[in-house]
Amino acid sequence: MKNRKAAKRNAAHPLDGLLPLIEAEGRELHLHATVLEVAEMNQLAELASQPKIRRYLLCRLSDTAALVEPGCTRELEDTLTALQHTPKRLHGDWQ
């Protein structure tokens, strides 16, 4: 039983090979950042496995969110649309 639990703890995350997780050491605030967010982890894995999309993704923020290369929002949106995805663009202000 102990070996199974240890193996499960040490197993690589399914997204690690595609999009590494970045973990902040403390609180961080990034203004004007673009984040690609999906409903489920397998959707992010599918998108990150496509080189035409992966080129715009810097890292994974969670199992369902990735940070987009600065200045590449429009290119990513156009690529997603060309590949028959339907991105929804949301704007927000931090206060």
Protein backbone atom coordinates (compact mmCIF):
# COMPACT_ATOMS: atom_id res chain seq x y z
CA MET A 1 0.00 0.00 0.00
CA LYS A 2 2.79 2.47 0.87
CA ASN A 3 4.54 1.87 -2.45
CA ARG A 4 1.38 2.62 -4.43
CA LYS A 5 0.86 5.89 -2.60
CA ALA A 6 4.51 6.90 -3.06
CA ALA A 7 4.41 6.02 -6.76
CA LYS A 8 1.24 8.04 -7.24
CA ARG A 9 2.79 11.03 -5.46
CA ASN A 10 5.94 10.86 -7.61
CA ALA A 11 4.17 10.29 -10.93
CA ALA A 12 4.57 13.08 -13.45
CA HIS A 13 1.59 15.29 -14.10
CA PRO A 14 0.02 14.58 -17.53
CA LEU A 15 0.63 18.16 -18.68
CA ASP A 16 4.24 18.48 -17.49
CA GLY A 17 5.74 17.32 -20.78
CA LEU A 18 3.59 19.71 -22.79
CA LEU A 19 3.34 22.77 -20.60
CA PRO A 20 5.30 23.08 -17.35
CA LEU A 21 3.60 24.43 -14.25
CA ILE A 22 4.96 27.67 -12.86
CA GLU A 23 4.55 28.26 -9.17
CA ALA A 24 5.05 31.68 -7.64
CA GLU A 25 7.03 31.90 -4.44
CA GLY A 26 4.71 34.60 -3.18
CA ARG A 27 1.94 36.82 -4.40
CA GLU A 28 2.44 38.26 -7.87
CA LEU A 29 0.50 40.73 -9.96
CA HIS A 30 0.84 40.77 -13.73
CA LEU A 31 -0.90 43.63 -15.49
CA HIS A 32 -2.11 43.21 -19.06
CA ALA A 33 -1.42 39.47 -19.05
CA THR A 34 -3.34 37.17 -21.37
CA VAL A 35 -4.46 33.85 -19.93
CA LEU A 36 -5.91 30.97 -21.93
CA GLU A 37 -8.48 29.25 -19.73
CA VAL A 38 -10.38 26.05 -20.53
CA ALA A 39 -13.01 24.05 -18.68
CA GLU A 40 -11.05 20.80 -18.29
CA MET A 41 -7.44 19.66 -18.09
CA ASN A 42 -7.76 17.41 -21.16
CA GLN A 43 -8.73 20.48 -23.24
CA LEU A 44 -5.55 22.26 -22.22
CA ALA A 45 -3.55 19.13 -23.02
CA GLU A 46 -5.15 18.94 -26.46
CA LEU A 47 -4.39 22.58 -27.22
CA ALA A 48 -0.83 22.44 -25.85
CA SER A 49 -0.10 19.35 -27.96
CA GLN A 50 -0.74 21.33 -31.16
CA PRO A 51 2.48 23.13 -32.22
CA LYS A 52 0.53 25.96 -33.88
CA ILE A 53 -1.03 26.78 -30.50
CA ARG A 54 1.78 25.70 -28.15
CA ARG A 55 4.13 28.31 -29.62
CA TYR A 56 2.03 31.04 -27.94
CA LEU A 57 1.84 29.40 -24.49
CA LEU A 58 4.57 30.19 -21.97
CA CYS A 59 3.61 28.00 -19.05
CA ARG A 60 0.73 26.47 -17.13
CA LEU A 61 -0.77 28.41 -14.25
CA SER A 62 -3.09 25.55 -13.25
CA ASP A 63 -4.60 22.43 -14.80
CA THR A 64 -6.97 24.63 -16.80
CA ALA A 65 -5.05 27.87 -17.42
CA ALA A 66 -1.94 28.88 -19.35
CA LEU A 67 -0.05 32.15 -19.64
CA VAL A 68 0.13 33.51 -23.20
CA GLU A 69 3.26 35.05 -24.70
CA PRO A 70 3.05 38.85 -24.34
CA GLY A 71 1.94 40.52 -27.55
CA CYS A 72 0.56 37.30 -29.07
CA THR A 73 -3.08 37.49 -28.01
CA ARG A 74 -4.42 38.30 -31.48
CA GLU A 75 -2.25 35.63 -33.14
CA LEU A 76 -3.41 32.99 -30.67
CA GLU A 77 -7.04 33.99 -31.14
CA ASP A 78 -6.67 33.82 -34.94
CA THR A 79 -4.95 30.42 -34.73
CA LEU A 80 -7.63 29.00 -32.44
CA THR A 81 -10.34 30.24 -34.81
CA ALA A 82 -8.54 28.80 -37.86
CA LEU A 83 -8.38 25.42 -36.10
CA GLN A 84 -12.16 25.48 -35.53
CA HIS A 85 -12.03 26.46 -31.86
CA THR A 86 -14.33 29.20 -30.61
CA PRO A 87 -12.39 31.45 -28.24
CA LYS A 88 -14.23 33.97 -26.11
CA ARG A 89 -12.30 37.11 -25.28
CA LEU A 90 -12.89 38.66 -21.86
CA HIS A 91 -11.48 41.98 -20.70
CA GLY A 92 -11.04 43.03 -17.15
CA ASP A 93 -9.46 45.67 -15.01
CA TRP A 94 -7.71 45.01 -11.74
CA GLN A 95 -8.66 47.39 -8.97
